[in-house]
Amino acid sequence: MQLVLDAQDLHRLSEAARQEVLSLFQPAAPAATPAPERRLRWRAPYDLNEEQAARLVQSLPEKHRARLALFANRTGKVRIAELMRLGGESDLKETSAFVKEVTRRLRRQIEDPDKIAQLIQWDFDSTRWDAGRTTIVDGTYYVSPATAHALRKALGMTQRVTG
């Protein structure tokens, strides 16, 4: 039996599987100590470190940086109404577009072949609906405390403002 794997095939494998396959061809090489693996969890915000936050912030337009500053200032939690007020929007879809853009840029920075990494999550328990329960009128987005801290550093903020 003969197996053929090109670089693209290897890239599709998980990191663990890729290492296992490569180790089969290099049995005499000393085992390298793998970097600590950051597990991505569904519906859990990704913890940015300071370097990642700096790269992310640098690549964003000013409008998005201002929105991320709200997360940094508010211990990681921001009401959707605040995000809309800051951007001068009246449609919730605008904040959704912001979350999608930041997520897309995050996934480019990290290895996320399953596309589950999220920087910003929605607090489902905070959702406020209109009278007919057909349209969301407010709720809370949040980032992890580690990400809020990293964003404060990346944005040059010296202290947190609660509220």
N, C-alpha and C. Protein backbone atom coordinates (compact mmCIF):
# COMPACT_ATOMS: atom_id res chain seq x y z
N MET A 1 0.84 -1.17 0.00
CA MET A 1 0.00 0.00 0.00
C MET A 1 0.89 1.24 0.00
N GLN A 2 0.45 2.27 -0.70
CA GLN A 2 1.21 3.51 -0.78
C GLN A 2 0.26 4.67 -0.53
N LEU A 3 0.70 5.57 0.37
CA LEU A 3 -0.07 6.77 0.67
C LEU A 3 0.70 7.98 0.18
N VAL A 4 -0.02 8.93 -0.37
CA VAL A 4 0.60 10.15 -0.84
C VAL A 4 -0.07 11.32 -0.12
N LEU A 5 0.75 12.10 0.57
CA LEU A 5 0.26 13.29 1.27
C LEU A 5 1.08 14.49 0.82
N ASP A 6 0.41 15.49 0.28
CA ASP A 6 1.15 16.71 -0.05
C ASP A 6 0.97 17.71 1.09
N ALA A 7 1.59 18.86 0.97
CA ALA A 7 1.55 19.86 2.04
C ALA A 7 0.12 20.29 2.35
N GLN A 8 -0.71 20.38 1.33
CA GLN A 8 -2.10 20.78 1.55
C GLN A 8 -2.84 19.72 2.36
N ASP A 9 -2.58 18.44 2.06
CA ASP A 9 -3.21 17.37 2.84
C ASP A 9 -2.77 17.42 4.30
N LEU A 10 -1.48 17.65 4.53
CA LEU A 10 -0.99 17.73 5.91
C LEU A 10 -1.62 18.90 6.65
N HIS A 11 -1.84 20.01 5.96
CA HIS A 11 -2.42 21.20 6.59
C HIS A 11 -3.86 20.94 7.05
N ARG A 12 -4.55 20.06 6.34
CA ARG A 12 -5.95 19.75 6.70
C ARG A 12 -6.05 18.91 7.97
N LEU A 13 -4.98 18.24 8.33
CA LEU A 13 -4.99 17.41 9.53
C LEU A 13 -4.90 18.26 10.79
N SER A 14 -5.41 17.74 11.88
CA SER A 14 -5.25 18.44 13.15
C SER A 14 -3.76 18.46 13.49
N GLU A 15 -3.38 19.37 14.38
CA GLU A 15 -1.97 19.49 14.77
C GLU A 15 -1.46 18.16 15.32
N ALA A 16 -2.25 17.49 16.14
CA ALA A 16 -1.83 16.22 16.74
C ALA A 16 -1.62 15.15 15.66
N ALA A 17 -2.55 15.07 14.72
CA ALA A 17 -2.42 14.08 13.64
C ALA A 17 -1.23 14.39 12.75
N ARG A 18 -1.02 15.67 12.46
CA ARG A 18 0.11 16.09 11.63
C ARG A 18 1.43 15.68 12.29
N GLN A 19 1.55 15.93 13.59
CA GLN A 19 2.77 15.56 14.32
C GLN A 19 2.98 14.06 14.32
N GLU A 20 1.89 13.32 14.48
CA GLU A 20 2.00 11.86 14.49
C GLU A 20 2.49 11.33 13.14
N VAL A 21 1.92 11.87 12.06
CA VAL A 21 2.34 11.46 10.71
C VAL A 21 3.80 11.81 10.49
N LEU A 22 4.20 13.03 10.83
CA LEU A 22 5.59 13.45 10.62
C LEU A 22 6.55 12.62 11.47
N SER A 23 6.12 12.24 12.66
CA SER A 23 7.01 11.44 13.52
C SER A 23 7.27 10.06 12.94
N LEU A 24 6.38 9.54 12.13
CA LEU A 24 6.58 8.25 11.49
C LEU A 24 7.75 8.29 10.51
N PHE A 25 8.02 9.46 9.94
CA PHE A 25 9.09 9.60 8.97
C PHE A 25 10.39 10.07 9.59
N GLN A 26 10.35 10.44 10.86
CA GLN A 26 11.54 10.92 11.54
C GLN A 26 11.66 10.24 12.91
N PRO A 27 11.69 8.91 12.93
CA PRO A 27 11.71 8.23 14.23
C PRO A 27 12.98 8.47 15.05
N ALA A 28 14.09 8.77 14.39
CA ALA A 28 15.34 8.94 15.12
C ALA A 28 15.51 10.35 15.67
N ALA A 29 14.71 11.28 15.18
CA ALA A 29 14.84 12.66 15.64
C ALA A 29 14.30 12.77 17.06
N PRO A 30 14.97 13.56 17.89
CA PRO A 30 14.45 13.74 19.25
C PRO A 30 13.10 14.44 19.21
N ALA A 31 12.23 14.02 20.08
CA ALA A 31 10.89 14.59 20.12
C ALA A 31 10.95 16.03 20.60
N ALA A 32 10.36 16.90 19.82
CA ALA A 32 10.32 18.31 20.20
C ALA A 32 9.21 18.50 21.22
N THR A 33 9.44 19.39 22.13
CA THR A 33 8.40 19.70 23.10
C THR A 33 7.37 20.59 22.43
N PRO A 34 6.15 20.10 22.31
CA PRO A 34 5.15 20.91 21.62
C PRO A 34 4.77 22.13 22.46
N ALA A 35 4.40 23.18 21.77
CA ALA A 35 3.92 24.38 22.47
C ALA A 35 2.62 24.03 23.17
N PRO A 36 2.36 24.67 24.28
CA PRO A 36 1.10 24.38 24.96
C PRO A 36 -0.07 24.65 24.02
N GLU A 37 -0.96 23.70 23.95
CA GLU A 37 -2.08 23.79 23.02
C GLU A 37 -3.18 24.65 23.62
N ARG A 38 -3.65 25.58 22.84
CA ARG A 38 -4.79 26.39 23.25
C ARG A 38 -6.03 25.74 22.69
N ARG A 39 -6.83 25.21 23.55
CA ARG A 39 -8.04 24.53 23.09
C ARG A 39 -9.10 25.56 22.76
N LEU A 40 -9.69 25.40 21.61
CA LEU A 40 -10.78 26.26 21.21
C LEU A 40 -12.07 25.60 21.65
N ARG A 41 -12.93 26.38 22.26
CA ARG A 41 -14.20 25.84 22.74
C ARG A 41 -15.34 26.57 22.05
N TRP A 42 -16.35 25.80 21.69
CA TRP A 42 -17.53 26.37 21.08
C TRP A 42 -18.25 27.23 22.11
N ARG A 43 -18.70 28.40 21.69
CA ARG A 43 -19.43 29.35 22.54
C ARG A 43 -18.67 29.81 23.78
N ALA A 44 -17.38 29.85 23.67
CA ALA A 44 -16.53 30.41 24.73
C ALA A 44 -15.58 31.39 24.04
N PRO A 45 -15.49 32.62 24.53
CA PRO A 45 -14.63 33.59 23.85
C PRO A 45 -13.16 33.19 23.94
N TYR A 46 -12.44 33.47 22.88
CA TYR A 46 -11.01 33.18 22.79
C TYR A 46 -10.25 34.18 23.66
N ASP A 47 -9.26 33.70 24.37
CA ASP A 47 -8.40 34.56 25.20
C ASP A 47 -7.25 35.09 24.36
N LEU A 48 -7.30 36.37 24.02
CA LEU A 48 -6.19 36.99 23.31
C LEU A 48 -5.06 37.28 24.29
N ASN A 49 -3.82 37.06 23.85
CA ASN A 49 -2.70 37.54 24.66
C ASN A 49 -2.37 38.95 24.16
N GLU A 50 -1.43 39.60 24.83
CA GLU A 50 -1.12 41.00 24.50
C GLU A 50 -0.60 41.17 23.07
N GLU A 51 0.24 40.24 22.63
CA GLU A 51 0.78 40.32 21.27
C GLU A 51 -0.33 40.18 20.23
N GLN A 52 -1.22 39.21 20.43
CA GLN A 52 -2.33 39.01 19.49
C GLN A 52 -3.26 40.21 19.48
N ALA A 53 -3.53 40.75 20.66
CA ALA A 53 -4.41 41.92 20.75
C ALA A 53 -3.80 43.09 19.99
N ALA A 54 -2.51 43.29 20.13
CA ALA A 54 -1.83 44.39 19.44
C ALA A 54 -1.95 44.23 17.93
N ARG A 55 -1.74 43.00 17.43
CA ARG A 55 -1.86 42.75 15.99
C ARG A 55 -3.29 42.96 15.51
N LEU A 56 -4.25 42.49 16.29
CA LEU A 56 -5.65 42.64 15.90
C LEU A 56 -6.05 44.11 15.85
N VAL A 57 -5.73 44.84 16.89
CA VAL A 57 -6.09 46.25 16.98
C VAL A 57 -5.44 47.03 15.84
N GLN A 58 -4.20 46.72 15.55
CA GLN A 58 -3.47 47.43 14.49
C GLN A 58 -4.15 47.27 13.13
N SER A 59 -4.78 46.11 12.91
CA SER A 59 -5.35 45.84 11.60
C SER A 59 -6.79 46.33 11.44
N LEU A 60 -7.38 46.88 12.49
CA LEU A 60 -8.79 47.29 12.44
C LEU A 60 -8.97 48.77 12.12
N PRO A 61 -10.09 49.09 11.50
CA PRO A 61 -10.40 50.51 11.30
C PRO A 61 -10.69 51.18 12.65
N GLU A 62 -10.58 52.48 12.70
CA GLU A 62 -10.76 53.24 13.95
C GLU A 62 -12.12 52.97 14.59
N LYS A 63 -13.17 52.85 13.80
CA LYS A 63 -14.51 52.61 14.33
C LYS A 63 -14.55 51.31 15.14
N HIS A 64 -13.90 50.27 14.63
CA HIS A 64 -13.86 48.98 15.34
C HIS A 64 -12.98 49.07 16.59
N ARG A 65 -11.88 49.82 16.49
CA ARG A 65 -11.02 50.00 17.66
C ARG A 65 -11.79 50.68 18.79
N ALA A 66 -12.60 51.65 18.45
CA ALA A 66 -13.40 52.35 19.47
C ALA A 66 -14.38 51.38 20.13
N ARG A 67 -14.94 50.48 19.35
CA ARG A 67 -15.86 49.49 19.91
C ARG A 67 -15.11 48.52 20.83
N LEU A 68 -13.93 48.09 20.42
CA LEU A 68 -13.15 47.19 21.28
C LEU A 68 -12.74 47.90 22.57
N ALA A 69 -12.54 49.21 22.49
CA ALA A 69 -12.20 49.97 23.70
C ALA A 69 -13.33 49.91 24.72
N LEU A 70 -14.57 49.83 24.26
CA LEU A 70 -15.69 49.67 25.19
C LEU A 70 -15.56 48.35 25.96
N PHE A 71 -15.19 47.29 25.25
CA PHE A 71 -15.02 45.99 25.91
C PHE A 71 -13.89 46.06 26.93
N ALA A 72 -12.82 46.74 26.55
CA ALA A 72 -11.67 46.86 27.45
C ALA A 72 -12.03 47.66 28.69
N ASN A 73 -12.84 48.68 28.51
CA ASN A 73 -13.25 49.54 29.63
C ASN A 73 -14.28 48.90 30.54
N ARG A 74 -15.10 48.07 30.03
CA ARG A 74 -16.24 47.56 30.77
C ARG A 74 -16.04 46.13 31.25
N THR A 75 -14.88 45.79 31.67
CA THR A 75 -14.56 44.44 32.14
C THR A 75 -15.00 43.37 31.16
N GLY A 76 -15.05 43.72 29.91
CA GLY A 76 -15.34 42.74 28.88
C GLY A 76 -16.80 42.63 28.47
N LYS A 77 -17.70 43.38 29.10
CA LYS A 77 -19.13 43.29 28.76
C LYS A 77 -19.65 44.63 28.25
N VAL A 78 -20.40 44.56 27.14
CA VAL A 78 -20.95 45.77 26.54
C VAL A 78 -22.36 45.47 26.04
N ARG A 79 -23.28 46.36 26.34
CA ARG A 79 -24.65 46.21 25.85
C ARG A 79 -24.68 46.60 24.37
N ILE A 80 -25.52 45.92 23.63
CA ILE A 80 -25.61 46.17 22.20
C ILE A 80 -26.02 47.62 21.92
N ALA A 81 -26.87 48.18 22.79
CA ALA A 81 -27.29 49.57 22.61
C ALA A 81 -26.10 50.52 22.67
N GLU A 82 -25.11 50.22 23.53
CA GLU A 82 -23.92 51.06 23.62
C GLU A 82 -23.10 50.99 22.34
N LEU A 83 -22.96 49.80 21.79
CA LEU A 83 -22.22 49.64 20.53
C LEU A 83 -22.91 50.40 19.41
N MET A 84 -24.23 50.35 19.39
CA MET A 84 -24.98 51.05 18.34
C MET A 84 -24.85 52.56 18.51
N ARG A 85 -24.94 53.04 19.75
CA ARG A 85 -24.80 54.49 20.00
C ARG A 85 -23.43 54.98 19.57
N LEU A 86 -22.40 54.20 19.90
CA LEU A 86 -21.04 54.60 19.55
C LEU A 86 -20.86 54.73 18.04
N GLY A 87 -21.44 53.81 17.30
CA GLY A 87 -21.32 53.84 15.85
C GLY A 87 -22.38 54.67 15.16
N GLY A 88 -23.36 55.17 15.93
CA GLY A 88 -24.42 55.96 15.34
C GLY A 88 -25.38 55.14 14.49
N GLU A 89 -25.51 53.85 14.80
CA GLU A 89 -26.38 52.98 14.02
C GLU A 89 -27.74 52.82 14.66
N SER A 90 -28.70 52.43 13.84
CA SER A 90 -30.04 52.14 14.36
C SER A 90 -30.43 50.69 14.09
N ASP A 91 -29.59 49.96 13.40
CA ASP A 91 -29.89 48.58 13.03
C ASP A 91 -28.92 47.63 13.74
N LEU A 92 -29.47 46.62 14.39
CA LEU A 92 -28.65 45.63 15.09
C LEU A 92 -27.69 44.90 14.15
N LYS A 93 -28.00 44.86 12.90
CA LYS A 93 -27.15 44.15 11.94
C LYS A 93 -25.75 44.76 11.86
N GLU A 94 -25.65 46.05 12.16
CA GLU A 94 -24.35 46.71 12.13
C GLU A 94 -23.41 46.14 13.19
N THR A 95 -23.94 45.88 14.37
CA THR A 95 -23.09 45.30 15.42
C THR A 95 -22.74 43.86 15.07
N SER A 96 -23.65 43.16 14.43
CA SER A 96 -23.36 41.80 13.98
C SER A 96 -22.23 41.81 12.96
N ALA A 97 -22.25 42.78 12.07
CA ALA A 97 -21.19 42.89 11.06
C ALA A 97 -19.85 43.15 11.74
N PHE A 98 -19.84 43.97 12.78
CA PHE A 98 -18.62 44.24 13.54
C PHE A 98 -18.09 42.95 14.16
N VAL A 99 -18.96 42.18 14.81
CA VAL A 99 -18.55 40.92 15.45
C VAL A 99 -18.00 39.96 14.40
N LYS A 100 -18.64 39.87 13.26
CA LYS A 100 -18.18 38.98 12.19
C LYS A 100 -16.81 39.40 11.67
N GLU A 101 -16.60 40.70 11.49
CA GLU A 101 -15.31 41.19 10.99
C GLU A 101 -14.19 40.90 11.97
N VAL A 102 -14.43 41.13 13.25
CA VAL A 102 -13.40 40.87 14.26
C VAL A 102 -13.12 39.36 14.32
N THR A 103 -14.15 38.55 14.22
CA THR A 103 -13.98 37.10 14.23
C THR A 103 -13.16 36.64 13.04
N ARG A 104 -13.45 37.18 11.88
CA ARG A 104 -12.71 36.81 10.66
C ARG A 104 -11.23 37.14 10.83
N ARG A 105 -10.94 38.31 11.36
CA ARG A 105 -9.54 38.70 11.55
C ARG A 105 -8.85 37.86 12.62
N LEU A 106 -9.58 37.51 13.68
CA LEU A 106 -9.02 36.63 14.72
C LEU A 106 -8.64 35.28 14.12
N ARG A 107 -9.52 34.71 13.35
CA ARG A 107 -9.27 33.37 12.78
C ARG A 107 -8.10 33.36 11.82
N ARG A 108 -7.80 34.50 11.22
CA ARG A 108 -6.61 34.57 10.37
C ARG A 108 -5.34 34.55 11.21
N GLN A 109 -5.41 35.06 12.42
CA GLN A 109 -4.23 35.15 13.29
C GLN A 109 -3.89 33.83 13.96
N ILE A 110 -4.88 33.04 14.25
CA ILE A 110 -4.66 31.81 15.00
C ILE A 110 -4.96 30.61 14.12
N GLU A 111 -4.51 29.46 14.53
CA GLU A 111 -4.83 28.25 13.79
C GLU A 111 -6.20 27.78 14.25
N ASP A 112 -7.17 27.88 13.37
CA ASP A 112 -8.55 27.52 13.68
C ASP A 112 -9.18 26.82 12.48
N PRO A 113 -8.73 25.60 12.17
CA PRO A 113 -9.24 24.92 10.99
C PRO A 113 -10.74 24.60 11.06
N ASP A 114 -11.28 24.48 12.28
CA ASP A 114 -12.70 24.16 12.43
C ASP A 114 -13.59 25.39 12.46
N LYS A 115 -12.98 26.57 12.43
CA LYS A 115 -13.69 27.85 12.42
C LYS A 115 -14.69 27.96 13.58
N ILE A 116 -14.17 27.74 14.80
CA ILE A 116 -15.02 27.88 15.97
C ILE A 116 -14.58 29.02 16.89
N ALA A 117 -13.41 29.57 16.65
CA ALA A 117 -12.90 30.64 17.53
C ALA A 117 -13.77 31.88 17.38
N GLN A 118 -14.10 32.45 18.52
CA GLN A 118 -14.87 33.68 18.57
C GLN A 118 -14.21 34.60 19.58
N LEU A 119 -14.03 35.83 19.24
CA LEU A 119 -13.49 36.80 20.19
C LEU A 119 -14.61 37.33 21.07
N ILE A 120 -15.75 37.57 20.45
CA ILE A 120 -16.89 38.19 21.12
C ILE A 120 -18.05 37.19 21.13
N GLN A 121 -18.62 37.02 22.32
CA GLN A 121 -19.76 36.11 22.47
C GLN A 121 -21.00 36.89 22.89
N TRP A 122 -22.16 36.27 22.73
CA TRP A 122 -23.44 36.85 23.10
C TRP A 122 -23.92 36.20 24.39
N ASP A 123 -24.33 37.01 25.35
CA ASP A 123 -24.90 36.51 26.60
C ASP A 123 -26.40 36.29 26.37
N PHE A 124 -26.77 35.05 26.13
CA PHE A 124 -28.15 34.73 25.78
C PHE A 124 -29.13 35.10 26.89
N ASP A 125 -28.70 35.03 28.14
CA ASP A 125 -29.58 35.35 29.27
C ASP A 125 -29.90 36.84 29.35
N SER A 126 -29.11 37.67 28.70
CA SER A 126 -29.33 39.13 28.77
C SER A 126 -30.21 39.63 27.63
N THR A 127 -30.62 38.77 26.74
CA THR A 127 -31.38 39.18 25.56
C THR A 127 -32.71 39.82 25.95
N ARG A 128 -32.96 41.02 25.42
CA ARG A 128 -34.25 41.70 25.60
C ARG A 128 -34.94 41.75 24.25
N TRP A 129 -36.21 41.33 24.25
CA TRP A 129 -37.00 41.25 23.03
C TRP A 129 -38.05 42.36 22.99
N ASP A 130 -38.58 42.60 21.80
CA ASP A 130 -39.71 43.52 21.69
C ASP A 130 -40.95 42.84 22.27
N ALA A 131 -42.07 43.56 22.31
CA ALA A 131 -43.30 43.04 22.93
C ALA A 131 -43.77 41.72 22.29
N GLY A 132 -43.58 41.59 21.00
CA GLY A 132 -44.02 40.38 20.31
C GLY A 132 -43.00 39.25 20.31
N ARG A 133 -41.86 39.48 20.97
CA ARG A 133 -40.76 38.52 21.03
C ARG A 133 -40.32 38.07 19.63
N THR A 134 -40.27 39.04 18.72
CA THR A 134 -39.83 38.73 17.36
C THR A 134 -38.51 39.41 17.01
N THR A 135 -38.17 40.48 17.72
CA THR A 135 -36.96 41.23 17.41
C THR A 135 -36.18 41.52 18.69
N ILE A 136 -34.89 41.29 18.63
CA ILE A 136 -34.02 41.62 19.77
C ILE A 136 -33.88 43.14 19.82
N VAL A 137 -34.06 43.71 21.01
CA VAL A 137 -33.90 45.16 21.15
C VAL A 137 -32.65 45.51 21.95
N ASP A 138 -32.14 44.58 22.75
CA ASP A 138 -30.91 44.81 23.48
C ASP A 138 -30.40 43.49 24.05
N GLY A 139 -29.18 43.52 24.51
CA GLY A 139 -28.53 42.35 25.09
C GLY A 139 -27.07 42.68 25.32
N THR A 140 -26.30 41.69 25.70
CA THR A 140 -24.91 41.93 26.06
C THR A 140 -23.97 41.06 25.24
N TYR A 141 -22.96 41.70 24.68
CA TYR A 141 -21.83 41.00 24.09
C TYR A 141 -20.73 40.99 25.14
N TYR A 142 -19.85 39.99 25.09
CA TYR A 142 -18.75 39.96 26.04
C TYR A 142 -17.51 39.30 25.44
N VAL A 143 -16.36 39.67 26.02
CA VAL A 143 -15.09 39.02 25.72
C VAL A 143 -14.58 38.45 27.03
N SER A 144 -13.57 37.60 26.96
CA SER A 144 -13.01 37.02 28.19
C SER A 144 -12.26 38.10 28.98
N PRO A 145 -12.13 37.93 30.29
CA PRO A 145 -11.35 38.89 31.09
C PRO A 145 -9.91 39.03 30.59
N ALA A 146 -9.30 37.93 30.15
CA ALA A 146 -7.93 38.00 29.63
C ALA A 146 -7.88 38.86 28.37
N THR A 147 -8.87 38.73 27.52
CA THR A 147 -8.92 39.54 26.30
C THR A 147 -9.15 41.01 26.64
N ALA A 148 -10.03 41.29 27.59
CA ALA A 148 -10.27 42.68 27.99
C ALA A 148 -8.96 43.31 28.48
N HIS A 149 -8.21 42.56 29.26
CA HIS A 149 -6.92 43.05 29.76
C HIS A 149 -5.94 43.30 28.60
N ALA A 150 -5.84 42.33 27.70
CA ALA A 150 -4.93 42.46 26.55
C ALA A 150 -5.34 43.64 25.67
N LEU A 151 -6.64 43.85 25.49
CA LEU A 151 -7.11 44.98 24.69
C LEU A 151 -6.76 46.31 25.35
N ARG A 152 -6.87 46.39 26.67
CA ARG A 152 -6.50 47.62 27.38
C ARG A 152 -5.04 47.95 27.08
N LYS A 153 -4.17 46.95 27.13
CA LYS A 153 -2.74 47.17 26.85
C LYS A 153 -2.55 47.60 25.39
N ALA A 154 -3.19 46.87 24.47
CA ALA A 154 -3.01 47.14 23.05
C ALA A 154 -3.54 48.52 22.66
N LEU A 155 -4.56 48.98 23.35
CA LEU A 155 -5.15 50.28 23.04
C LEU A 155 -4.52 51.42 23.85
N GLY A 156 -3.53 51.07 24.69
CA GLY A 156 -2.83 52.08 25.47
C GLY A 156 -3.67 52.65 26.59
N MET A 157 -4.59 51.86 27.09
CA MET A 157 -5.45 52.32 28.20
C MET A 157 -4.77 51.96 29.51
N THR A 158 -4.76 52.87 30.43
CA THR A 158 -4.05 52.64 31.68
C THR A 158 -4.90 52.01 32.76
N GLN A 159 -6.18 52.33 32.80
CA GLN A 159 -7.01 51.73 33.83
C GLN A 159 -8.40 51.45 33.28
N ARG A 160 -9.09 50.56 33.97
CA ARG A 160 -10.41 50.11 33.55
C ARG A 160 -11.46 51.04 34.15
N VAL A 161 -12.49 51.31 33.36
CA VAL A 161 -13.63 52.09 33.83
C VAL A 161 -14.81 51.14 33.86
N THR A 162 -15.39 50.92 35.02
CA THR A 162 -16.52 50.00 35.11
C THR A 162 -17.81 50.71 34.79
N GLY A 163 -18.78 49.91 34.43
CA GLY A 163 -20.10 50.51 34.19
C GLY A 163 -20.76 49.95 32.99
